[in-house]
Amino acid sequence: MKVHHFTHTLTTPGAPELIDITDAVVAAVRKSGVKNGTVTVYVKHTTAAIRINEKESGFIEDFKDYLTKTFPAHNYYRHNDMKIRAENIDCDDDRCDKNGHAHCQHMLLGTSETIPIVDGKLTLGRWQRVFLVELCSPRKREVVFQVIGE
């Protein structure tokens, strides 16, 4: 059994945004040489997610609306309140991101997806694509592809 790791780095335009990374996943699987197995697509951040769905503009806009209505950026979040927050602070005063909404959105979505590989190809459905979902702000993001199989 082979195990391969690839890191895909990209800069996102802002949030909310669904960025199609399917072609990068396909390229990693092809480069691995694995014919039958799985690929796990994992984002190394708590304000971005990985999801599989249809790349259709109406759906994408509807989903972005859902995220912003469910956890609006302008709501009060304890995470953003530097008068009470005491953990995981890597900034000074008001320069911290006010991204409590993005952390809450992430908890609804998740960090990874695993896709079966059969005969060297992803077994995605006809309309399925793999998305990095940016929930915060323009950022450099790292997505890890772990390809396992023979």
N, C-alpha and C. Protein backbone atom coordinates (compact mmCIF):
# COMPACT_ATOMS: atom_id res chain seq x y z
N MET A 1 0.84 -1.18 0.00
CA MET A 1 0.00 0.00 0.00
C MET A 1 0.89 1.24 0.00
N LYS A 2 0.54 2.18 -0.85
CA LYS A 2 1.29 3.44 -0.94
C LYS A 2 0.55 4.54 -0.17
N VAL A 3 1.33 5.43 0.43
CA VAL A 3 0.78 6.62 1.09
C VAL A 3 1.55 7.82 0.57
N HIS A 4 0.84 8.78 0.01
CA HIS A 4 1.45 9.99 -0.55
C HIS A 4 0.79 11.21 0.08
N HIS A 5 1.61 12.24 0.29
CA HIS A 5 1.11 13.51 0.83
C HIS A 5 1.49 14.64 -0.12
N PHE A 6 0.55 15.49 -0.39
CA PHE A 6 0.78 16.67 -1.23
C PHE A 6 0.17 17.86 -0.51
N THR A 7 0.79 19.01 -0.64
CA THR A 7 0.22 20.24 -0.07
C THR A 7 -0.10 21.19 -1.20
N HIS A 8 -1.32 21.66 -1.22
CA HIS A 8 -1.79 22.63 -2.21
C HIS A 8 -1.95 23.96 -1.49
N THR A 9 -1.23 24.97 -1.94
CA THR A 9 -1.28 26.29 -1.32
C THR A 9 -1.97 27.27 -2.25
N LEU A 10 -2.85 28.08 -1.71
CA LEU A 10 -3.53 29.09 -2.51
C LEU A 10 -3.86 30.29 -1.65
N THR A 11 -4.10 31.41 -2.29
CA THR A 11 -4.53 32.62 -1.59
C THR A 11 -5.98 32.86 -1.96
N THR A 12 -6.80 33.03 -0.94
CA THR A 12 -8.24 33.19 -1.16
C THR A 12 -8.59 34.67 -1.33
N PRO A 13 -9.72 34.94 -2.00
CA PRO A 13 -10.10 36.33 -2.25
C PRO A 13 -10.88 36.99 -1.12
N GLY A 14 -11.37 36.23 -0.17
CA GLY A 14 -12.22 36.77 0.89
C GLY A 14 -13.31 35.79 1.22
N ALA A 15 -14.32 36.27 1.94
CA ALA A 15 -15.34 35.33 2.42
C ALA A 15 -16.73 35.95 2.38
N PRO A 16 -17.74 35.10 2.34
CA PRO A 16 -17.61 33.67 2.10
C PRO A 16 -17.34 33.41 0.62
N GLU A 17 -16.56 32.39 0.37
CA GLU A 17 -16.21 32.05 -1.01
C GLU A 17 -16.01 30.55 -1.13
N LEU A 18 -16.51 29.95 -2.20
CA LEU A 18 -16.29 28.54 -2.51
C LEU A 18 -15.33 28.46 -3.67
N ILE A 19 -14.16 27.87 -3.43
CA ILE A 19 -13.11 27.81 -4.42
C ILE A 19 -12.95 26.36 -4.87
N ASP A 20 -13.16 26.11 -6.14
CA ASP A 20 -13.10 24.76 -6.70
C ASP A 20 -11.64 24.30 -6.77
N ILE A 21 -11.31 23.25 -6.01
CA ILE A 21 -9.95 22.71 -6.01
C ILE A 21 -9.91 21.29 -6.58
N THR A 22 -10.97 20.90 -7.26
CA THR A 22 -11.07 19.54 -7.80
C THR A 22 -9.89 19.19 -8.70
N ASP A 23 -9.51 20.10 -9.57
CA ASP A 23 -8.42 19.80 -10.51
C ASP A 23 -7.11 19.53 -9.77
N ALA A 24 -6.88 20.24 -8.66
CA ALA A 24 -5.66 20.00 -7.87
C ALA A 24 -5.71 18.63 -7.21
N VAL A 25 -6.91 18.20 -6.77
CA VAL A 25 -7.05 16.87 -6.18
C VAL A 25 -6.79 15.80 -7.25
N VAL A 26 -7.37 15.97 -8.41
CA VAL A 26 -7.18 15.03 -9.52
C VAL A 26 -5.69 14.93 -9.87
N ALA A 27 -5.00 16.06 -9.92
CA ALA A 27 -3.57 16.07 -10.24
C ALA A 27 -2.76 15.32 -9.19
N ALA A 28 -3.10 15.49 -7.92
CA ALA A 28 -2.39 14.79 -6.85
C ALA A 28 -2.60 13.28 -6.95
N VAL A 29 -3.81 12.86 -7.23
CA VAL A 29 -4.10 11.43 -7.39
C VAL A 29 -3.31 10.87 -8.57
N ARG A 30 -3.32 11.60 -9.67
CA ARG A 30 -2.57 11.15 -10.86
C ARG A 30 -1.09 11.04 -10.53
N LYS A 31 -0.53 12.04 -9.86
CA LYS A 31 0.90 12.05 -9.51
C LYS A 31 1.25 10.90 -8.56
N SER A 32 0.31 10.53 -7.69
CA SER A 32 0.57 9.45 -6.73
C SER A 32 0.71 8.09 -7.39
N GLY A 33 0.04 7.92 -8.53
CA GLY A 33 0.04 6.62 -9.19
C GLY A 33 -0.92 5.61 -8.58
N VAL A 34 -1.66 6.01 -7.56
CA VAL A 34 -2.61 5.10 -6.91
C VAL A 34 -3.78 4.85 -7.85
N LYS A 35 -4.11 3.58 -8.04
CA LYS A 35 -5.22 3.20 -8.92
C LYS A 35 -6.49 2.90 -8.14
N ASN A 36 -6.35 2.33 -6.94
CA ASN A 36 -7.52 2.01 -6.11
C ASN A 36 -7.18 2.33 -4.67
N GLY A 37 -8.00 3.18 -4.05
CA GLY A 37 -7.76 3.61 -2.67
C GLY A 37 -8.64 4.78 -2.32
N THR A 38 -8.07 5.73 -1.58
CA THR A 38 -8.81 6.92 -1.19
C THR A 38 -7.90 8.13 -1.20
N VAL A 39 -8.50 9.29 -1.33
CA VAL A 39 -7.80 10.55 -1.12
C VAL A 39 -8.58 11.33 -0.08
N THR A 40 -7.88 11.79 0.93
CA THR A 40 -8.47 12.67 1.93
C THR A 40 -7.98 14.08 1.64
N VAL A 41 -8.92 15.01 1.58
CA VAL A 41 -8.63 16.41 1.34
C VAL A 41 -8.89 17.13 2.66
N TYR A 42 -7.84 17.75 3.21
CA TYR A 42 -7.89 18.30 4.58
C TYR A 42 -7.34 19.72 4.58
N VAL A 43 -8.09 20.65 5.16
CA VAL A 43 -7.62 22.03 5.28
C VAL A 43 -7.07 22.25 6.68
N LYS A 44 -5.92 22.91 6.76
CA LYS A 44 -5.20 23.08 8.02
C LYS A 44 -5.60 24.36 8.76
N HIS A 45 -6.85 24.75 8.66
CA HIS A 45 -7.26 26.03 9.24
C HIS A 45 -8.64 25.89 9.89
N THR A 46 -8.90 26.71 10.90
CA THR A 46 -10.18 26.65 11.61
C THR A 46 -11.19 27.68 11.12
N THR A 47 -10.83 28.42 10.07
CA THR A 47 -11.78 29.37 9.48
C THR A 47 -11.91 29.13 7.97
N ALA A 48 -11.67 27.89 7.57
CA ALA A 48 -11.91 27.44 6.20
C ALA A 48 -12.37 26.00 6.29
N ALA A 49 -13.06 25.53 5.27
CA ALA A 49 -13.62 24.18 5.29
C ALA A 49 -13.42 23.51 3.94
N ILE A 50 -13.61 22.20 3.92
CA ILE A 50 -13.62 21.42 2.68
C ILE A 50 -15.00 20.78 2.55
N ARG A 51 -15.62 20.97 1.40
CA ARG A 51 -16.94 20.39 1.14
C ARG A 51 -17.02 19.94 -0.31
N ILE A 52 -17.89 18.97 -0.55
CA ILE A 52 -18.19 18.50 -1.90
C ILE A 52 -19.62 18.87 -2.22
N ASN A 53 -19.80 19.50 -3.38
CA ASN A 53 -21.14 19.83 -3.83
C ASN A 53 -21.09 20.22 -5.30
N GLU A 54 -22.20 20.71 -5.79
CA GLU A 54 -22.33 21.09 -7.19
C GLU A 54 -21.76 22.50 -7.41
N LYS A 55 -21.09 22.67 -8.55
CA LYS A 55 -20.59 23.99 -8.92
C LYS A 55 -21.64 24.63 -9.82
N GLU A 56 -22.58 25.28 -9.18
CA GLU A 56 -23.69 25.94 -9.87
C GLU A 56 -23.90 27.28 -9.20
N SER A 57 -23.90 28.34 -9.94
CA SER A 57 -23.86 29.69 -9.37
C SER A 57 -25.04 29.98 -8.44
N GLY A 58 -26.23 29.50 -8.75
CA GLY A 58 -27.38 29.74 -7.87
C GLY A 58 -27.18 29.08 -6.52
N PHE A 59 -26.76 27.81 -6.53
CA PHE A 59 -26.49 27.12 -5.27
C PHE A 59 -25.41 27.84 -4.49
N ILE A 60 -24.31 28.21 -5.15
CA ILE A 60 -23.19 28.84 -4.45
C ILE A 60 -23.65 30.13 -3.77
N GLU A 61 -24.41 30.95 -4.47
CA GLU A 61 -24.90 32.20 -3.86
C GLU A 61 -25.87 31.91 -2.71
N ASP A 62 -26.74 30.90 -2.88
CA ASP A 62 -27.66 30.52 -1.81
C ASP A 62 -26.89 30.06 -0.57
N PHE A 63 -25.84 29.27 -0.78
CA PHE A 63 -25.07 28.76 0.36
C PHE A 63 -24.32 29.87 1.06
N LYS A 64 -23.76 30.80 0.30
CA LYS A 64 -23.08 31.95 0.90
C LYS A 64 -24.07 32.77 1.73
N ASP A 65 -25.28 32.94 1.21
CA ASP A 65 -26.32 33.65 1.98
C ASP A 65 -26.64 32.91 3.27
N TYR A 66 -26.76 31.58 3.19
CA TYR A 66 -27.04 30.77 4.38
C TYR A 66 -25.97 30.98 5.44
N LEU A 67 -24.70 30.91 5.03
CA LEU A 67 -23.62 31.08 6.00
C LEU A 67 -23.67 32.45 6.67
N THR A 68 -23.87 33.49 5.89
CA THR A 68 -23.86 34.84 6.46
C THR A 68 -25.11 35.12 7.29
N LYS A 69 -26.22 34.49 6.96
CA LYS A 69 -27.43 34.66 7.77
C LYS A 69 -27.37 33.85 9.06
N THR A 70 -26.76 32.67 8.99
CA THR A 70 -26.69 31.80 10.17
C THR A 70 -25.74 32.36 11.22
N PHE A 71 -24.58 32.84 10.78
CA PHE A 71 -23.59 33.45 11.68
C PHE A 71 -23.09 34.75 11.06
N PRO A 72 -23.86 35.83 11.20
CA PRO A 72 -23.45 37.12 10.61
C PRO A 72 -22.18 37.66 11.27
N ALA A 73 -21.32 38.27 10.47
CA ALA A 73 -20.07 38.83 10.98
C ALA A 73 -20.31 39.92 12.01
N HIS A 74 -21.42 40.65 11.90
CA HIS A 74 -21.67 41.79 12.79
C HIS A 74 -22.23 41.39 14.16
N ASN A 75 -22.59 40.11 14.35
CA ASN A 75 -23.08 39.67 15.66
C ASN A 75 -21.98 39.75 16.72
N TYR A 76 -22.39 39.72 17.97
CA TYR A 76 -21.42 39.64 19.06
C TYR A 76 -20.94 38.20 19.20
N TYR A 77 -19.62 38.03 19.26
CA TYR A 77 -18.98 36.73 19.49
C TYR A 77 -17.94 36.91 20.59
N ARG A 78 -18.00 36.08 21.61
CA ARG A 78 -17.03 36.14 22.70
C ARG A 78 -15.60 35.99 22.17
N HIS A 79 -15.44 35.21 21.12
CA HIS A 79 -14.13 35.02 20.49
C HIS A 79 -13.52 36.36 20.06
N ASN A 80 -14.35 37.30 19.66
CA ASN A 80 -13.88 38.60 19.18
C ASN A 80 -13.65 39.60 20.31
N ASP A 81 -14.13 39.30 21.49
CA ASP A 81 -14.09 40.25 22.61
C ASP A 81 -12.77 40.11 23.36
N MET A 82 -11.82 40.97 23.03
CA MET A 82 -10.49 40.87 23.63
C MET A 82 -10.46 41.28 25.10
N LYS A 83 -11.58 41.76 25.62
CA LYS A 83 -11.65 42.06 27.06
C LYS A 83 -11.87 40.79 27.87
N ILE A 84 -12.43 39.75 27.23
CA ILE A 84 -12.69 38.50 27.97
C ILE A 84 -11.91 37.31 27.41
N ARG A 85 -11.46 37.40 26.18
CA ARG A 85 -10.76 36.26 25.57
C ARG A 85 -9.37 36.13 26.19
N ALA A 86 -9.02 34.90 26.55
CA ALA A 86 -7.74 34.67 27.23
C ALA A 86 -6.87 33.60 26.58
N GLU A 87 -7.33 32.94 25.52
CA GLU A 87 -6.57 31.85 24.92
C GLU A 87 -6.31 32.09 23.44
N ASN A 88 -5.23 31.47 22.96
CA ASN A 88 -4.91 31.42 21.53
C ASN A 88 -4.91 32.81 20.88
N ILE A 89 -4.26 33.75 21.51
CA ILE A 89 -4.19 35.10 20.98
C ILE A 89 -2.81 35.30 20.37
N ASP A 90 -2.80 35.65 19.09
CA ASP A 90 -1.55 35.84 18.37
C ASP A 90 -1.55 37.21 17.69
N CYS A 91 -1.96 38.22 18.44
CA CYS A 91 -2.02 39.57 17.90
C CYS A 91 -2.14 40.55 19.07
N ASP A 92 -2.16 41.82 18.73
CA ASP A 92 -2.29 42.86 19.76
C ASP A 92 -3.58 43.65 19.55
N ASP A 93 -4.26 43.93 20.63
CA ASP A 93 -5.42 44.83 20.66
C ASP A 93 -6.40 44.61 19.52
N ASP A 94 -6.72 45.72 18.83
CA ASP A 94 -7.73 45.72 17.78
C ASP A 94 -7.23 45.14 16.46
N ARG A 95 -5.96 44.74 16.40
CA ARG A 95 -5.45 44.18 15.16
C ARG A 95 -5.87 42.73 14.98
N CYS A 96 -6.46 42.12 15.97
CA CYS A 96 -6.93 40.74 15.84
C CYS A 96 -8.10 40.68 14.87
N ASP A 97 -8.15 39.58 14.14
CA ASP A 97 -9.30 39.37 13.27
C ASP A 97 -10.55 39.22 14.12
N LYS A 98 -11.60 39.82 13.69
CA LYS A 98 -12.90 39.64 14.33
C LYS A 98 -13.61 38.54 13.55
N ASN A 99 -13.20 37.29 13.82
CA ASN A 99 -13.65 36.18 12.98
C ASN A 99 -14.40 35.10 13.75
N GLY A 100 -15.07 35.48 14.83
CA GLY A 100 -15.87 34.50 15.56
C GLY A 100 -16.92 33.85 14.68
N HIS A 101 -17.51 34.63 13.78
CA HIS A 101 -18.51 34.08 12.85
C HIS A 101 -17.91 32.97 11.99
N ALA A 102 -16.65 33.16 11.54
CA ALA A 102 -16.01 32.18 10.67
C ALA A 102 -15.73 30.87 11.42
N HIS A 103 -15.33 30.97 12.68
CA HIS A 103 -15.11 29.76 13.48
C HIS A 103 -16.43 29.00 13.66
N CYS A 104 -17.52 29.72 13.92
CA CYS A 104 -18.82 29.07 14.09
C CYS A 104 -19.29 28.42 12.78
N GLN A 105 -19.11 29.11 11.67
CA GLN A 105 -19.48 28.54 10.37
C GLN A 105 -18.69 27.27 10.10
N HIS A 106 -17.40 27.30 10.43
CA HIS A 106 -16.54 26.13 10.21
C HIS A 106 -17.07 24.90 10.95
N MET A 107 -17.56 25.09 12.16
CA MET A 107 -18.06 23.95 12.94
C MET A 107 -19.24 23.27 12.26
N LEU A 108 -19.97 23.99 11.45
CA LEU A 108 -21.08 23.39 10.70
C LEU A 108 -20.60 22.61 9.48
N LEU A 109 -19.42 22.95 8.98
CA LEU A 109 -18.98 22.41 7.69
C LEU A 109 -17.96 21.30 7.79
N GLY A 110 -16.86 21.52 8.48
CA GLY A 110 -15.88 20.47 8.63
C GLY A 110 -14.56 20.75 7.94
N THR A 111 -13.61 19.92 8.28
CA THR A 111 -12.22 20.12 7.88
C THR A 111 -11.80 19.26 6.70
N SER A 112 -12.51 18.17 6.42
CA SER A 112 -12.03 17.27 5.38
C SER A 112 -13.15 16.52 4.68
N GLU A 113 -12.78 15.94 3.55
CA GLU A 113 -13.62 15.01 2.79
C GLU A 113 -12.71 13.87 2.33
N THR A 114 -13.24 12.67 2.28
CA THR A 114 -12.50 11.52 1.76
C THR A 114 -13.26 10.98 0.56
N ILE A 115 -12.52 10.75 -0.52
CA ILE A 115 -13.12 10.34 -1.79
C ILE A 115 -12.48 9.03 -2.24
N PRO A 116 -13.29 8.02 -2.58
CA PRO A 116 -12.73 6.78 -3.11
C PRO A 116 -12.08 7.01 -4.48
N ILE A 117 -11.03 6.26 -4.73
CA ILE A 117 -10.35 6.25 -6.03
C ILE A 117 -10.54 4.85 -6.62
N VAL A 118 -11.06 4.79 -7.84
CA VAL A 118 -11.25 3.51 -8.54
C VAL A 118 -10.67 3.66 -9.94
N ASP A 119 -9.80 2.74 -10.28
CA ASP A 119 -9.13 2.77 -11.59
C ASP A 119 -8.43 4.11 -11.85
N GLY A 120 -7.84 4.67 -10.79
CA GLY A 120 -7.08 5.90 -10.91
C GLY A 120 -7.89 7.18 -10.98
N LYS A 121 -9.21 7.07 -10.79
CA LYS A 121 -10.08 8.25 -10.91
C LYS A 121 -10.89 8.46 -9.64
N LEU A 122 -11.15 9.73 -9.33
CA LEU A 122 -12.04 10.05 -8.22
C LEU A 122 -13.44 9.56 -8.57
N THR A 123 -14.14 9.02 -7.58
CA THR A 123 -15.50 8.54 -7.83
C THR A 123 -16.53 9.61 -7.50
N LEU A 124 -16.26 10.82 -7.93
CA LEU A 124 -17.22 11.90 -7.73
C LEU A 124 -18.42 11.70 -8.65
N GLY A 125 -19.58 12.15 -8.19
CA GLY A 125 -20.77 12.10 -9.01
C GLY A 125 -20.69 13.10 -10.16
N ARG A 126 -21.64 13.01 -11.04
CA ARG A 126 -21.64 13.81 -12.27
C ARG A 126 -21.41 15.29 -12.03
N TRP A 127 -22.03 15.86 -11.02
CA TRP A 127 -21.95 17.31 -10.78
C TRP A 127 -21.05 17.67 -9.61
N GLN A 128 -20.51 16.68 -8.92
CA GLN A 128 -19.74 16.97 -7.71
C GLN A 128 -18.37 17.56 -8.00
N ARG A 129 -18.02 18.54 -7.17
CA ARG A 129 -16.72 19.19 -7.20
C ARG A 129 -16.25 19.33 -5.75
N VAL A 130 -14.95 19.47 -5.57
CA VAL A 130 -14.37 19.64 -4.24
C VAL A 130 -14.08 21.12 -4.05
N PHE A 131 -14.58 21.66 -2.95
CA PHE A 131 -14.43 23.09 -2.67
C PHE A 131 -13.66 23.35 -1.40
N LEU A 132 -12.77 24.34 -1.45
CA LEU A 132 -12.27 24.99 -0.25
C LEU A 132 -13.26 26.11 0.02
N VAL A 133 -13.82 26.15 1.22
CA VAL A 133 -14.78 27.19 1.57
C VAL A 133 -14.06 28.18 2.48
N GLU A 134 -13.81 29.36 1.97
CA GLU A 134 -13.18 30.42 2.76
C GLU A 134 -14.26 31.09 3.60
N LEU A 135 -14.02 31.17 4.90
CA LEU A 135 -15.01 31.71 5.82
C LEU A 135 -14.56 33.01 6.49
N CYS A 136 -13.31 33.40 6.30
CA CYS A 136 -12.77 34.52 7.07
C CYS A 136 -12.45 35.74 6.20
N SER A 137 -11.27 35.79 5.66
CA SER A 137 -10.80 36.96 4.92
C SER A 137 -9.74 36.48 3.94
N PRO A 138 -9.27 37.36 3.05
CA PRO A 138 -8.22 36.92 2.13
C PRO A 138 -7.04 36.35 2.91
N ARG A 139 -6.66 35.13 2.59
CA ARG A 139 -5.61 34.43 3.34
C ARG A 139 -4.85 33.48 2.44
N LYS A 140 -3.64 33.15 2.89
CA LYS A 140 -2.90 32.05 2.29
C LYS A 140 -3.38 30.79 3.01
N ARG A 141 -3.83 29.80 2.26
CA ARG A 141 -4.37 28.56 2.82
C ARG A 141 -3.57 27.37 2.34
N GLU A 142 -3.46 26.37 3.22
CA GLU A 142 -2.81 25.10 2.88
C GLU A 142 -3.83 23.99 2.97
N VAL A 143 -3.92 23.23 1.88
CA VAL A 143 -4.79 22.06 1.85
C VAL A 143 -3.90 20.84 1.63
N VAL A 144 -4.08 19.82 2.47
CA VAL A 144 -3.30 18.60 2.37
C VAL A 144 -4.12 17.53 1.68
N PHE A 145 -3.49 16.86 0.71
CA PHE A 145 -4.09 15.71 0.05
C PHE A 145 -3.29 14.49 0.50
N GLN A 146 -3.96 13.53 1.12
CA GLN A 146 -3.32 12.27 1.48
C GLN A 146 -3.96 11.19 0.61
N VAL A 147 -3.14 10.59 -0.24
CA VAL A 147 -3.60 9.55 -1.16
C VAL A 147 -3.07 8.22 -0.64
N ILE A 148 -3.99 7.28 -0.41
CA ILE A 148 -3.63 5.97 0.12
C ILE A 148 -4.21 4.90 -0.79
N GLY A 149 -3.40 3.90 -1.13
CA GLY A 149 -3.91 2.79 -1.94
C GLY A 149 -2.82 2.11 -2.72
N GLU A 150 -3.26 1.37 -3.71
CA GLU A 150 -2.33 0.61 -4.55
C GLU A 150 -2.52 0.95 -6.00
